[in-house]
Amino acid sequence: METLITLPWVDWGMGSVLIGVFAVVVFVMVFIVLGMMKSKKKAKKSEAEETE
């Protein structure tokens, strides 16, 4: 029974790496979405200028 208590249930090194990778992916996706939002605003403005 004592051997079950001493077994590591969590690999902190791999868990930390996975959390870091997840955070980087989230930040990249946020910047991509923000870039797309800004480019759409510019495209709408340029379309409006062309119709005038």
N, C-alpha and C. Protein backbone atom coordinates (compact mmCIF):
# COMPACT_ATOMS: atom_id res chain seq x y z
N MET A 1 0.82 -1.20 0.00
CA MET A 1 0.00 0.00 0.00
C MET A 1 0.86 1.26 0.00
N GLU A 2 2.01 1.18 0.64
CA GLU A 2 2.88 2.36 0.70
C GLU A 2 3.44 2.73 -0.66
N THR A 3 3.59 1.76 -1.54
CA THR A 3 4.13 2.08 -2.87
C THR A 3 3.18 2.96 -3.67
N LEU A 4 1.88 2.85 -3.46
CA LEU A 4 0.93 3.70 -4.16
C LEU A 4 1.05 5.15 -3.72
N ILE A 5 1.40 5.36 -2.47
CA ILE A 5 1.51 6.72 -1.95
C ILE A 5 2.73 7.42 -2.52
N THR A 6 3.81 6.70 -2.75
CA THR A 6 5.05 7.33 -3.20
C THR A 6 5.10 7.50 -4.72
N LEU A 7 4.17 6.92 -5.45
CA LEU A 7 4.17 7.08 -6.91
C LEU A 7 3.82 8.52 -7.29
N PRO A 8 4.57 9.12 -8.20
CA PRO A 8 4.22 10.47 -8.63
C PRO A 8 2.99 10.43 -9.54
N TRP A 9 1.98 11.17 -9.21
CA TRP A 9 0.75 11.19 -9.99
C TRP A 9 0.80 12.26 -11.07
N VAL A 10 1.69 13.23 -10.91
CA VAL A 10 1.77 14.34 -11.85
C VAL A 10 3.21 14.53 -12.26
N ASP A 11 3.43 14.69 -13.57
CA ASP A 11 4.75 15.03 -14.08
C ASP A 11 4.78 16.55 -14.26
N TRP A 12 5.33 17.27 -13.28
CA TRP A 12 5.28 18.72 -13.28
C TRP A 12 6.05 19.33 -14.44
N GLY A 13 7.13 18.70 -14.86
CA GLY A 13 7.92 19.23 -15.97
C GLY A 13 7.12 19.22 -17.26
N MET A 14 6.53 18.09 -17.58
CA MET A 14 5.74 18.00 -18.82
C MET A 14 4.48 18.85 -18.72
N GLY A 15 3.86 18.90 -17.56
CA GLY A 15 2.66 19.73 -17.39
C GLY A 15 2.96 21.20 -17.60
N SER A 16 4.08 21.65 -17.08
CA SER A 16 4.47 23.05 -17.26
C SER A 16 4.74 23.36 -18.72
N VAL A 17 5.38 22.45 -19.42
CA VAL A 17 5.66 22.65 -20.84
C VAL A 17 4.36 22.72 -21.62
N LEU A 18 3.42 21.84 -21.34
CA LEU A 18 2.15 21.85 -22.05
C LEU A 18 1.37 23.13 -21.79
N ILE A 19 1.38 23.60 -20.55
CA ILE A 19 0.70 24.86 -20.24
C ILE A 19 1.37 26.02 -20.98
N GLY A 20 2.68 26.03 -21.04
CA GLY A 20 3.40 27.08 -21.77
C GLY A 20 3.08 27.06 -23.25
N VAL A 21 3.06 25.88 -23.85
CA VAL A 21 2.73 25.76 -25.27
C VAL A 21 1.30 26.22 -25.53
N PHE A 22 0.39 25.84 -24.66
CA PHE A 22 -1.01 26.26 -24.80
C PHE A 22 -1.13 27.78 -24.72
N ALA A 23 -0.40 28.40 -23.78
CA ALA A 23 -0.44 29.86 -23.63
C ALA A 23 0.10 30.54 -24.89
N VAL A 24 1.18 30.02 -25.46
CA VAL A 24 1.74 30.61 -26.67
C VAL A 24 0.75 30.50 -27.83
N VAL A 25 0.10 29.35 -27.96
CA VAL A 25 -0.87 29.15 -29.04
C VAL A 25 -2.04 30.12 -28.88
N VAL A 26 -2.51 30.31 -27.65
CA VAL A 26 -3.63 31.24 -27.41
C VAL A 26 -3.22 32.66 -27.78
N PHE A 27 -2.03 33.09 -27.38
CA PHE A 27 -1.58 34.44 -27.71
C PHE A 27 -1.46 34.63 -29.22
N VAL A 28 -0.91 33.65 -29.91
CA VAL A 28 -0.78 33.75 -31.36
C VAL A 28 -2.15 33.85 -32.01
N MET A 29 -3.09 33.04 -31.56
CA MET A 29 -4.44 33.09 -32.14
C MET A 29 -5.11 34.43 -31.88
N VAL A 30 -4.92 34.99 -30.70
CA VAL A 30 -5.50 36.30 -30.38
C VAL A 30 -4.93 37.36 -31.31
N PHE A 31 -3.61 37.35 -31.53
CA PHE A 31 -3.00 38.34 -32.41
C PHE A 31 -3.45 38.16 -33.85
N ILE A 32 -3.66 36.92 -34.27
CA ILE A 32 -4.15 36.68 -35.63
C ILE A 32 -5.56 37.25 -35.79
N VAL A 33 -6.41 37.00 -34.80
CA VAL A 33 -7.79 37.52 -34.87
C VAL A 33 -7.79 39.04 -34.85
N LEU A 34 -6.98 39.64 -34.00
CA LEU A 34 -6.91 41.10 -33.96
C LEU A 34 -6.42 41.65 -35.30
N GLY A 35 -5.44 41.00 -35.90
CA GLY A 35 -4.95 41.43 -37.20
C GLY A 35 -6.02 41.32 -38.27
N MET A 36 -6.81 40.26 -38.22
CA MET A 36 -7.89 40.11 -39.19
C MET A 36 -8.95 41.18 -39.00
N MET A 37 -9.24 41.52 -37.74
CA MET A 37 -10.24 42.55 -37.47
C MET A 37 -9.77 43.89 -38.00
N LYS A 38 -8.51 44.22 -37.80
CA LYS A 38 -7.98 45.50 -38.28
C LYS A 38 -7.93 45.55 -39.79
N SER A 39 -7.58 44.45 -40.43
CA SER A 39 -7.52 44.44 -41.89
C SER A 39 -8.91 44.55 -42.50
N LYS A 40 -9.92 44.00 -41.86
CA LYS A 40 -11.29 44.12 -42.38
C LYS A 40 -11.77 45.56 -42.27
N LYS A 41 -11.40 46.25 -41.21
CA LYS A 41 -11.80 47.66 -41.08
C LYS A 41 -11.16 48.48 -42.20
N LYS A 42 -9.90 48.22 -42.50
CA LYS A 42 -9.22 48.94 -43.58
C LYS A 42 -9.85 48.61 -44.92
N ALA A 43 -10.21 47.35 -45.12
CA ALA A 43 -10.82 46.95 -46.39
C ALA A 43 -12.19 47.61 -46.56
N LYS A 44 -12.97 47.72 -45.50
CA LYS A 44 -14.27 48.37 -45.58
C LYS A 44 -14.10 49.85 -45.90
N LYS A 45 -13.11 50.49 -45.29
CA LYS A 45 -12.88 51.90 -45.56
C LYS A 45 -12.45 52.11 -47.00
N SER A 46 -11.60 51.25 -47.52
CA SER A 46 -11.14 51.41 -48.89
C SER A 46 -12.28 51.15 -49.87
N GLU A 47 -13.17 50.20 -49.58
CA GLU A 47 -14.33 49.96 -50.43
C GLU A 47 -15.26 51.16 -50.43
N ALA A 48 -15.45 51.79 -49.29
CA ALA A 48 -16.31 52.96 -49.19
C ALA A 48 -15.72 54.12 -49.98
N GLU A 49 -14.41 54.27 -49.96
CA GLU A 49 -13.76 55.34 -50.72
C GLU A 49 -13.87 55.12 -52.22
N GLU A 50 -13.84 53.86 -52.65
CA GLU A 50 -13.91 53.55 -54.07
C GLU A 50 -15.32 53.84 -54.62
N THR A 51 -16.34 53.67 -53.81
CA THR A 51 -17.71 53.88 -54.30
C THR A 51 -18.07 55.35 -54.37
N GLU A 52 -17.34 56.20 -53.68
CA GLU A 52 -17.65 57.65 -53.68
C GLU A 52 -17.20 58.34 -54.92
